């Protein structure tokens, strides 16, 4: 459950889970996000994946360009958040 509830967030979540494949997902996110927003989301998820692999902040900074503040925030969410990053990362691993 999200800590911060926005009006109509459930509608957005339902829209996302209704998407059938990567092509539909890409089209949706290209429409709903600016390039900068999408780049930030992609970067944060890559940071989470690399943290999950046990990589250091220095290595993650070098490969992603993410600031240490971003890496730290993602790390906090990965370790103490609602489990969303971990769930997604584990499902990607299972699908391989």
PDB file of N, CA and C in Angstrom:
ATOM      1  N   UNK A   1       0.854  -1.184   0.000  1.00  0.00           N
ATOM      2  CA  UNK A   1       0.000   0.000   0.000  1.00  0.00           C
ATOM      3  C   UNK A   1       0.889   1.231   0.000  1.00  0.00           C
ATOM      4  N   UNK A   2       0.574   2.168  -0.813  1.00  0.00           N
ATOM      5  CA  UNK A   2       1.379   3.387  -0.872  1.00  0.00           C
ATOM      6  C   UNK A   2       1.177   4.222   0.375  1.00  0.00           C
ATOM      7  N   UNK A   3       2.239   4.883   0.776  1.00  0.00           N
ATOM      8  CA  UNK A   3       2.186   5.737   1.950  1.00  0.00           C
ATOM      9  C   UNK A   3       1.424   7.027   1.660  1.00  0.00           C
ATOM     10  N   UNK A   4       1.524   7.479   0.432  1.00  0.00           N
ATOM     11  CA  UNK A   4       0.881   8.720   0.030  1.00  0.00           C
ATOM     12  C   UNK A   4      -0.168   8.372  -1.014  1.00  0.00           C
ATOM     13  N   UNK A   5      -1.400   8.654  -0.727  1.00  0.00           N
ATOM     14  CA  UNK A   5      -2.494   8.289  -1.629  1.00  0.00           C
ATOM     15  C   UNK A   5      -2.918   9.496  -2.454  1.00  0.00           C
ATOM     16  N   UNK A   6      -2.806   9.383  -3.748  1.00  0.00           N
ATOM     17  CA  UNK A   6      -3.234  10.437  -4.656  1.00  0.00           C
ATOM     18  C   UNK A   6      -4.621  10.072  -5.182  1.00  0.00           C
ATOM     19  N   UNK A   7      -5.414  11.087  -5.440  1.00  0.00           N
ATOM     20  CA  UNK A   7      -6.703  10.849  -6.079  1.00  0.00           C
ATOM     21  C   UNK A   7      -6.464  10.196  -7.430  1.00  0.00           C
ATOM     22  N   UNK A   8      -7.222   9.197  -7.729  1.00  0.00           N
ATOM     23  CA  UNK A   8      -7.180   8.502  -9.019  1.00  0.00           C
ATOM     24  C   UNK A   8      -5.924   7.670  -9.247  1.00  0.00           C
ATOM     25  N   UNK A   9      -5.100   7.463  -8.230  1.00  0.00           N
ATOM     26  CA  UNK A   9      -3.902   6.636  -8.409  1.00  0.00           C
ATOM     27  C   UNK A   9      -4.289   5.214  -8.785  1.00  0.00           C
ATOM     28  N   UNK A  10      -5.366   4.703  -8.204  1.00  0.00           N
ATOM     29  CA  UNK A  10      -5.795   3.343  -8.522  1.00  0.00           C
ATOM     30  C   UNK A  10      -6.089   3.176 -10.012  1.00  0.00           C
ATOM     31  N   UNK A  11      -6.649   4.210 -10.617  1.00  0.00           N
ATOM     32  CA  UNK A  11      -6.946   4.176 -12.055  1.00  0.00           C
ATOM     33  C   UNK A  11      -5.646   4.044 -12.854  1.00  0.00           C
ATOM     34  N   UNK A  12      -4.622   4.776 -12.424  1.00  0.00           N
ATOM     35  CA  UNK A  12      -3.321   4.698 -13.092  1.00  0.00           C
ATOM     36  C   UNK A  12      -2.722   3.307 -12.935  1.00  0.00           C
ATOM     37  N   UNK A  13      -2.750   2.761 -11.714  1.00  0.00           N
ATOM     38  CA  UNK A  13      -2.192   1.428 -11.479  1.00  0.00           C
ATOM     39  C   UNK A  13      -2.915   0.384 -12.317  1.00  0.00           C
ATOM     40  N   UNK A  14      -4.230   0.490 -12.404  1.00  0.00           N
ATOM     41  CA  UNK A  14      -5.009  -0.450 -13.222  1.00  0.00           C
ATOM     42  C   UNK A  14      -4.640  -0.319 -14.691  1.00  0.00           C
ATOM     43  N   UNK A  15      -4.419   0.913 -15.142  1.00  0.00           N
ATOM     44  CA  UNK A  15      -4.004   1.119 -16.535  1.00  0.00           C
ATOM     45  C   UNK A  15      -2.665   0.442 -16.800  1.00  0.00           C
ATOM     46  N   UNK A  16      -1.730   0.578 -15.868  1.00  0.00           N
ATOM     47  CA  UNK A  16      -0.399  -0.018 -16.043  1.00  0.00           C
ATOM     48  C   UNK A  16      -0.488  -1.537 -16.094  1.00  0.00           C
ATOM     49  N   UNK A  17      -1.226  -2.132 -15.174  1.00  0.00           N
ATOM     50  CA  UNK A  17      -1.282  -3.605 -15.182  1.00  0.00           C
ATOM     51  C   UNK A  17      -2.125  -4.156 -16.323  1.00  0.00           C
ATOM     52  N   UNK A  18      -2.889  -3.284 -16.995  1.00  0.00           N
ATOM     53  CA  UNK A  18      -3.665  -3.748 -18.152  1.00  0.00           C
ATOM     54  C   UNK A  18      -2.803  -3.883 -19.399  1.00  0.00           C
ATOM     55  N   UNK A  19      -1.616  -3.295 -19.391  1.00  0.00           N
ATOM     56  CA  UNK A  19      -0.738  -3.345 -20.560  1.00  0.00           C
ATOM     57  C   UNK A  19      -0.237  -4.771 -20.764  1.00  0.00           C
ATOM     58  N   UNK A  20      -0.216  -5.204 -22.018  1.00  0.00           N
ATOM     59  CA  UNK A  20       0.030  -6.609 -22.311  1.00  0.00           C
ATOM     60  C   UNK A  20       1.474  -6.982 -22.609  1.00  0.00           C
ATOM     61  N   UNK A  21       2.282  -6.024 -23.049  1.00  0.00           N
ATOM     62  CA  UNK A  21       3.661  -6.364 -23.396  1.00  0.00           C
ATOM     63  C   UNK A  21       4.544  -5.116 -23.322  1.00  0.00           C
ATOM     64  N   UNK A  22       5.837  -5.320 -23.597  1.00  0.00           N
ATOM     65  CA  UNK A  22       6.788  -4.211 -23.508  1.00  0.00           C
ATOM     66  C   UNK A  22       6.470  -3.091 -24.502  1.00  0.00           C
ATOM     67  N   UNK A  23       5.991  -3.450 -25.677  1.00  0.00           N
ATOM     68  CA  UNK A  23       5.662  -2.442 -26.686  1.00  0.00           C
ATOM     69  C   UNK A  23       4.535  -1.532 -26.184  1.00  0.00           C
ATOM     70  N   UNK A  24       3.475  -2.120 -25.624  1.00  0.00           N
ATOM     71  CA  UNK A  24       2.376  -1.329 -25.075  1.00  0.00           C
ATOM     72  C   UNK A  24       2.847  -0.482 -23.890  1.00  0.00           C
ATOM     73  N   UNK A  25       3.675  -1.072 -23.055  1.00  0.00           N
ATOM     74  CA  UNK A  25       4.206  -0.372 -21.886  1.00  0.00           C
ATOM     75  C   UNK A  25       5.056   0.821 -22.321  1.00  0.00           C
ATOM     76  N   UNK A  26       5.905   0.613 -23.309  1.00  0.00           N
ATOM     77  CA  UNK A  26       6.747   1.692 -23.817  1.00  0.00           C
ATOM     78  C   UNK A  26       5.891   2.822 -24.384  1.00  0.00           C
ATOM     79  N   UNK A  27       4.863   2.483 -25.147  1.00  0.00           N
ATOM     80  CA  UNK A  27       3.987   3.501 -25.724  1.00  0.00           C
ATOM     81  C   UNK A  27       3.280   4.294 -24.628  1.00  0.00           C
ATOM     82  N   UNK A  28       2.804   3.605 -23.613  1.00  0.00           N
ATOM     83  CA  UNK A  28       2.104   4.266 -22.510  1.00  0.00           C
ATOM     84  C   UNK A  28       3.032   5.227 -21.770  1.00  0.00           C
ATOM     85  N   UNK A  29       4.212   4.728 -21.391  1.00  0.00           N
ATOM     86  CA  UNK A  29       5.136   5.577 -20.636  1.00  0.00           C
ATOM     87  C   UNK A  29       5.707   6.704 -21.484  1.00  0.00           C
ATOM     88  N   UNK A  30       5.876   6.475 -22.781  1.00  0.00           N
ATOM     89  CA  UNK A  30       6.318   7.562 -23.667  1.00  0.00           C
ATOM     90  C   UNK A  30       5.273   8.671 -23.704  1.00  0.00           C
ATOM     91  N   UNK A  31       4.005   8.286 -23.646  1.00  0.00           N
ATOM     92  CA  UNK A  31       2.931   9.279 -23.666  1.00  0.00           C
ATOM     93  C   UNK A  31       2.754   9.983 -22.320  1.00  0.00           C
ATOM     94  N   UNK A  32       2.871   9.252 -21.235  1.00  0.00           N
ATOM     95  CA  UNK A  32       2.524   9.810 -19.928  1.00  0.00           C
ATOM     96  C   UNK A  32       3.684  10.545 -19.248  1.00  0.00           C
ATOM     97  N   UNK A  33       4.904  10.223 -19.619  1.00  0.00           N
ATOM     98  CA  UNK A  33       6.086  10.832 -18.985  1.00  0.00           C
ATOM     99  C   UNK A  33       6.837  11.723 -19.969  1.00  0.00           C
ATOM    100  N   UNK A  34       7.467  12.746 -19.424  1.00  0.00           N
ATOM    101  CA  UNK A  34       8.423  13.493 -20.241  1.00  0.00           C
ATOM    102  C   UNK A  34       9.668  12.621 -20.391  1.00  0.00           C
ATOM    103  N   UNK A  35      10.529  12.989 -21.303  1.00  0.00           N
ATOM    104  CA  UNK A  35      11.780  12.242 -21.484  1.00  0.00           C
ATOM    105  C   UNK A  35      12.572  12.226 -20.176  1.00  0.00           C
ATOM    106  N   UNK A  36      12.634  13.368 -19.499  1.00  0.00           N
ATOM    107  CA  UNK A  36      13.392  13.462 -18.248  1.00  0.00           C
ATOM    108  C   UNK A  36      12.771  12.599 -17.151  1.00  0.00           C
ATOM    109  N   UNK A  37      11.453  12.582 -17.064  1.00  0.00           N
ATOM    110  CA  UNK A  37      10.788  11.744 -16.060  1.00  0.00           C
ATOM    111  C   UNK A  37      11.058  10.265 -16.316  1.00  0.00           C
ATOM    112  N   UNK A  38      10.951   9.861 -17.566  1.00  0.00           N
ATOM    113  CA  UNK A  38      11.195   8.466 -17.911  1.00  0.00           C
ATOM    114  C   UNK A  38      12.650   8.089 -17.666  1.00  0.00           C
ATOM    115  N   UNK A  39      13.572   8.982 -18.021  1.00  0.00           N
ATOM    116  CA  UNK A  39      14.996   8.720 -17.759  1.00  0.00           C
ATOM    117  C   UNK A  39      15.248   8.554 -16.260  1.00  0.00           C
ATOM    118  N   UNK A  40      14.602   9.375 -15.442  1.00  0.00           N
ATOM    119  CA  UNK A  40      14.779   9.283 -13.984  1.00  0.00           C
ATOM    120  C   UNK A  40      14.234   7.969 -13.443  1.00  0.00           C
ATOM    121  N   UNK A  41      13.088   7.540 -13.935  1.00  0.00           N
ATOM    122  CA  UNK A  41      12.495   6.273 -13.494  1.00  0.00           C
ATOM    123  C   UNK A  41      13.390   5.105 -13.901  1.00  0.00           C
ATOM    124  N   UNK A  42      13.830   5.130 -15.151  1.00  0.00           N
ATOM    125  CA  UNK A  42      14.716   4.067 -15.656  1.00  0.00           C
ATOM    126  C   UNK A  42      16.004   4.021 -14.835  1.00  0.00           C
ATOM    127  N   UNK A  43      16.566   5.192 -14.561  1.00  0.00           N
ATOM    128  CA  UNK A  43      17.807   5.256 -13.787  1.00  0.00           C
ATOM    129  C   UNK A  43      17.603   4.685 -12.379  1.00  0.00           C
ATOM    130  N   UNK A  44      16.512   5.070 -11.711  1.00  0.00           N
ATOM    131  CA  UNK A  44      16.266   4.572 -10.360  1.00  0.00           C
ATOM    132  C   UNK A  44      16.098   3.060 -10.350  1.00  0.00           C
ATOM    133  N   UNK A  45      15.409   2.519 -11.350  1.00  0.00           N
ATOM    134  CA  UNK A  45      15.236   1.066 -11.375  1.00  0.00           C
ATOM    135  C   UNK A  45      16.570   0.368 -11.639  1.00  0.00           C
ATOM    136  N   UNK A  46      17.385   0.936 -12.504  1.00  0.00           N
ATOM    137  CA  UNK A  46      18.712   0.349 -12.753  1.00  0.00           C
ATOM    138  C   UNK A  46      19.570   0.410 -11.497  1.00  0.00           C
ATOM    139  N   UNK A  47      19.486   1.509 -10.767  1.00  0.00           N
ATOM    140  CA  UNK A  47      20.203   1.613  -9.487  1.00  0.00           C
ATOM    141  C   UNK A  47      19.738   0.505  -8.551  1.00  0.00           C
ATOM    142  N   UNK A  48      18.432   0.286  -8.468  1.00  0.00           N
ATOM    143  CA  UNK A  48      17.897  -0.771  -7.599  1.00  0.00           C
ATOM    144  C   UNK A  48      18.419  -2.144  -8.018  1.00  0.00           C
ATOM    145  N   UNK A  49      18.453  -2.391  -9.308  1.00  0.00           N
ATOM    146  CA  UNK A  49      18.960  -3.688  -9.804  1.00  0.00           C
ATOM    147  C   UNK A  49      20.424  -3.875  -9.432  1.00  0.00           C
ATOM    148  N   UNK A  50      21.215  -2.825  -9.593  1.00  0.00           N
ATOM    149  CA  UNK A  50      22.637  -2.935  -9.279  1.00  0.00           C
ATOM    150  C   UNK A  50      22.867  -3.056  -7.770  1.00  0.00           C
ATOM    151  N   UNK A  51      22.070  -2.358  -6.972  1.00  0.00           N
ATOM    152  CA  UNK A  51      22.172  -2.523  -5.518  1.00  0.00           C
ATOM    153  C   UNK A  51      21.828  -3.957  -5.134  1.00  0.00           C
ATOM    154  N   UNK A  52      20.796  -4.499  -5.756  1.00  0.00           N
ATOM    155  CA  UNK A  52      20.396  -5.885  -5.496  1.00  0.00           C
ATOM    156  C   UNK A  52      21.506  -6.873  -5.845  1.00  0.00           C
ATOM    157  N   UNK A  53      22.318  -6.508  -6.833  1.00  0.00           N
ATOM    158  CA  UNK A  53      23.458  -7.351  -7.229  1.00  0.00           C
ATOM    159  C   UNK A  53      24.653  -7.177  -6.284  1.00  0.00           C
ATOM    160  N   UNK A  54      24.543  -6.210  -5.361  1.00  0.00           N
ATOM    161  CA  UNK A  54      25.618  -5.993  -4.398  1.00  0.00           C
ATOM    162  C   UNK A  54      26.685  -5.025  -4.848  1.00  0.00           C
ATOM    163  N   UNK A  55      26.421  -4.269  -5.900  1.00  0.00           N
ATOM    164  CA  UNK A  55      27.417  -3.318  -6.391  1.00  0.00           C
ATOM    165  C   UNK A  55      27.544  -2.130  -5.441  1.00  0.00           C
ATOM    166  N   UNK A  56      28.703  -1.514  -5.448  1.00  0.00           N
ATOM    167  CA  UNK A  56      28.972  -0.373  -4.569  1.00  0.00           C
ATOM    168  C   UNK A  56      28.366   0.905  -5.138  1.00  0.00           C
ATOM    169  N   UNK A  57      28.190   1.889  -4.262  1.00  0.00           N
ATOM    170  CA  UNK A  57      27.676   3.184  -4.688  1.00  0.00           C
ATOM    171  C   UNK A  57      28.576   3.795  -5.757  1.00  0.00           C
ATOM    172  N   UNK A  58      29.885   3.654  -5.592  1.00  0.00           N
ATOM    173  CA  UNK A  58      30.843   4.230  -6.549  1.00  0.00           C
ATOM    174  C   UNK A  58      30.656   3.593  -7.926  1.00  0.00           C
ATOM    175  N   UNK A  59      30.551   2.269  -7.962  1.00  0.00           N
ATOM    176  CA  UNK A  59      30.365   1.574  -9.242  1.00  0.00           C
ATOM    177  C   UNK A  59      29.030   1.953  -9.881  1.00  0.00           C
ATOM    178  N   UNK A  60      27.979   2.050  -9.057  1.00  0.00           N
ATOM    179  CA  UNK A  60      26.656   2.407  -9.574  1.00  0.00           C
ATOM    180  C   UNK A  60      26.674   3.822 -10.126  1.00  0.00           C
ATOM    181  N   UNK A  61      27.337   4.725  -9.426  1.00  0.00           N
ATOM    182  CA  UNK A  61      27.458   6.103  -9.905  1.00  0.00           C
ATOM    183  C   UNK A  61      28.153   6.143 -11.257  1.00  0.00           C
ATOM    184  N   UNK A  62      29.211   5.358 -11.398  1.00  0.00           N
ATOM    185  CA  UNK A  62      29.971   5.340 -12.653  1.00  0.00           C
ATOM    186  C   UNK A  62      29.141   4.782 -13.808  1.00  0.00           C
ATOM    187  N   UNK A  63      28.360   3.727 -13.556  1.00  0.00           N
ATOM    188  CA  UNK A  63      27.638   3.088 -14.657  1.00  0.00           C
ATOM    189  C   UNK A  63      26.308   3.750 -14.984  1.00  0.00           C
ATOM    190  N   UNK A  64      25.681   4.386 -14.004  1.00  0.00           N
ATOM    191  CA  UNK A  64      24.355   4.972 -14.238  1.00  0.00           C
ATOM    192  C   UNK A  64      24.363   6.490 -14.278  1.00  0.00           C
ATOM    193  N   UNK A  65      25.373   7.112 -13.674  1.00  0.00           N
ATOM    194  CA  UNK A  65      25.396   8.559 -13.555  1.00  0.00           C
ATOM    195  C   UNK A  65      24.512   9.079 -12.436  1.00  0.00           C
ATOM    196  N   UNK A  66      23.904   8.180 -11.673  1.00  0.00           N
ATOM    197  CA  UNK A  66      23.030   8.586 -10.568  1.00  0.00           C
ATOM    198  C   UNK A  66      23.858   9.217  -9.450  1.00  0.00           C
ATOM    199  N   UNK A  67      23.298  10.235  -8.841  1.00  0.00           N
ATOM    200  CA  UNK A  67      23.974  10.878  -7.722  1.00  0.00           C
ATOM    201  C   UNK A  67      23.958   9.950  -6.512  1.00  0.00           C
ATOM    202  N   UNK A  68      24.846  10.216  -5.570  1.00  0.00           N
ATOM    203  CA  UNK A  68      24.850   9.408  -4.350  1.00  0.00           C
ATOM    204  C   UNK A  68      23.546   9.594  -3.577  1.00  0.00           C
ATOM    205  N   UNK A  69      22.937  10.775  -3.674  1.00  0.00           N
ATOM    206  CA  UNK A  69      21.644  11.003  -3.012  1.00  0.00           C
ATOM    207  C   UNK A  69      20.570  10.095  -3.605  1.00  0.00           C
ATOM    208  N   UNK A  70      20.552   9.963  -4.922  1.00  0.00           N
ATOM    209  CA  UNK A  70      19.587   9.073  -5.578  1.00  0.00           C
ATOM    210  C   UNK A  70      19.859   7.631  -5.211  1.00  0.00           C
ATOM    211  N   UNK A  71      21.118   7.240  -5.233  1.00  0.00           N
ATOM    212  CA  UNK A  71      21.476   5.858  -4.888  1.00  0.00           C
ATOM    213  C   UNK A  71      21.066   5.555  -3.448  1.00  0.00           C
ATOM    214  N   UNK A  72      21.316   6.493  -2.557  1.00  0.00           N
ATOM    215  CA  UNK A  72      20.959   6.318  -1.152  1.00  0.00           C
ATOM    216  C   UNK A  72      19.443   6.188  -0.984  1.00  0.00           C
ATOM    217  N   UNK A  73      18.694   7.034  -1.678  1.00  0.00           N
ATOM    218  CA  UNK A  73      17.240   6.986  -1.579  1.00  0.00           C
ATOM    219  C   UNK A  73      16.697   5.663  -2.097  1.00  0.00           C
ATOM    220  N   UNK A  74      17.218   5.205  -3.235  1.00  0.00           N
ATOM    221  CA  UNK A  74      16.789   3.923  -3.797  1.00  0.00           C
ATOM    222  C   UNK A  74      17.155   2.788  -2.843  1.00  0.00           C
ATOM    223  N   UNK A  75      18.333   2.862  -2.264  1.00  0.00           N
ATOM    224  CA  UNK A  75      18.765   1.848  -1.305  1.00  0.00           C
ATOM    225  C   UNK A  75      17.809   1.768  -0.112  1.00  0.00           C
ATOM    226  N   UNK A  76      17.412   2.940   0.402  1.00  0.00           N
ATOM    227  CA  UNK A  76      16.449   2.970   1.516  1.00  0.00           C
ATOM    228  C   UNK A  76      15.143   2.310   1.120  1.00  0.00           C
ATOM    229  N   UNK A  77      14.651   2.646  -0.069  1.00  0.00           N
ATOM    230  CA  UNK A  77      13.403   2.040  -0.545  1.00  0.00           C
ATOM    231  C   UNK A  77      13.554   0.539  -0.748  1.00  0.00           C
ATOM    232  N   UNK A  78      14.683   0.139  -1.292  1.00  0.00           N
ATOM    233  CA  UNK A  78      14.934  -1.279  -1.539  1.00  0.00           C
ATOM    234  C   UNK A  78      14.980  -2.061  -0.240  1.00  0.00           C
ATOM    235  N   UNK A  79      15.581  -1.477   0.783  1.00  0.00           N
ATOM    236  CA  UNK A  79      15.757  -2.180   2.051  1.00  0.00           C
ATOM    237  C   UNK A  79      14.621  -1.988   3.054  1.00  0.00           C
ATOM    238  N   UNK A  80      13.980  -0.831   3.022  1.00  0.00           N
ATOM    239  CA  UNK A  80      12.985  -0.516   4.055  1.00  0.00           C
ATOM    240  C   UNK A  80      11.637  -0.090   3.493  1.00  0.00           C
ATOM    241  N   UNK A  81      11.491  -0.105   2.182  1.00  0.00           N
ATOM    242  CA  UNK A  81      10.246   0.345   1.558  1.00  0.00           C
ATOM    243  C   UNK A  81       9.171  -0.729   1.570  1.00  0.00           C
ATOM    244  N   UNK A  82       8.216  -0.587   0.678  1.00  0.00           N
ATOM    245  CA  UNK A  82       7.082  -1.502   0.604  1.00  0.00           C
ATOM    246  C   UNK A  82       7.376  -2.788  -0.172  1.00  0.00           C
ATOM    247  N   UNK A  83       8.588  -2.927  -0.710  1.00  0.00           N
ATOM    248  CA  UNK A  83       8.966  -4.153  -1.407  1.00  0.00           C
ATOM    249  C   UNK A  83       8.726  -4.144  -2.901  1.00  0.00           C
ATOM    250  N   UNK A  84       8.335  -2.999  -3.433  1.00  0.00           N
ATOM    251  CA  UNK A  84       8.045  -2.927  -4.864  1.00  0.00           C
ATOM    252  C   UNK A  84       9.244  -3.173  -5.758  1.00  0.00           C
ATOM    253  N   UNK A  85      10.368  -2.547  -5.423  1.00  0.00           N
ATOM    254  CA  UNK A  85      11.584  -2.787  -6.215  1.00  0.00           C
ATOM    255  C   UNK A  85      11.948  -4.267  -6.191  1.00  0.00           C
ATOM    256  N   UNK A  86      11.997  -4.835  -5.001  1.00  0.00           N
ATOM    257  CA  UNK A  86      12.427  -6.233  -4.843  1.00  0.00           C
ATOM    258  C   UNK A  86      11.492  -7.178  -5.592  1.00  0.00           C
ATOM    259  N   UNK A  87      10.198  -6.924  -5.493  1.00  0.00           N
ATOM    260  CA  UNK A  87       9.215  -7.761  -6.187  1.00  0.00           C
ATOM    261  C   UNK A  87       9.468  -7.739  -7.691  1.00  0.00           C
ATOM    262  N   UNK A  88       9.641  -6.549  -8.257  1.00  0.00           N
ATOM    263  CA  UNK A  88       9.882  -6.420  -9.685  1.00  0.00           C
ATOM    264  C   UNK A  88      11.210  -7.063 -10.097  1.00  0.00           C
ATOM    265  N   UNK A  89      12.249  -6.825  -9.314  1.00  0.00           N
ATOM    266  CA  UNK A  89      13.560  -7.395  -9.621  1.00  0.00           C
ATOM    267  C   UNK A  89      13.500  -8.922  -9.581  1.00  0.00           C
ATOM    268  N   UNK A  90      12.874  -9.462  -8.565  1.00  0.00           N
ATOM    269  CA  UNK A  90      12.762 -10.922  -8.439  1.00  0.00           C
ATOM    270  C   UNK A  90      11.957 -11.517  -9.584  1.00  0.00           C
ATOM    271  N   UNK A  91      10.912 -10.837  -9.997  1.00  0.00           N
ATOM    272  CA  UNK A  91      10.097 -11.351 -11.110  1.00  0.00           C
ATOM    273  C   UNK A  91      10.871 -11.328 -12.418  1.00  0.00           C
ATOM    274  N   UNK A  92      11.704 -10.317 -12.612  1.00  0.00           N
ATOM    275  CA  UNK A  92      12.547 -10.276 -13.806  1.00  0.00           C
ATOM    276  C   UNK A  92      13.535 -11.433 -13.781  1.00  0.00           C
ATOM    277  N   UNK A  93      14.110 -11.693 -12.616  1.00  0.00           N
ATOM    278  CA  UNK A  93      15.056 -12.810 -12.475  1.00  0.00           C
ATOM    279  C   UNK A  93      14.356 -14.136 -12.780  1.00  0.00           C
ATOM    280  N   UNK A  94      13.143 -14.311 -12.274  1.00  0.00           N
ATOM    281  CA  UNK A  94      12.380 -15.544 -12.507  1.00  0.00           C
ATOM    282  C   UNK A  94      12.071 -15.751 -13.976  1.00  0.00           C
ATOM    283  N   UNK A  95      11.833 -14.658 -14.690  1.00  0.00           N
ATOM    284  CA  UNK A  95      11.454 -14.739 -16.102  1.00  0.00           C
ATOM    285  C   UNK A  95      12.621 -15.120 -17.015  1.00  0.00           C
ATOM    286  N   UNK A  96      13.843 -14.961 -16.505  1.00  0.00           N
ATOM    287  CA  UNK A  96      15.030 -15.276 -17.330  1.00  0.00           C
ATOM    288  C   UNK A  96      15.207 -16.747 -17.525  1.00  0.00           C
TER     289      UNK A  96
END
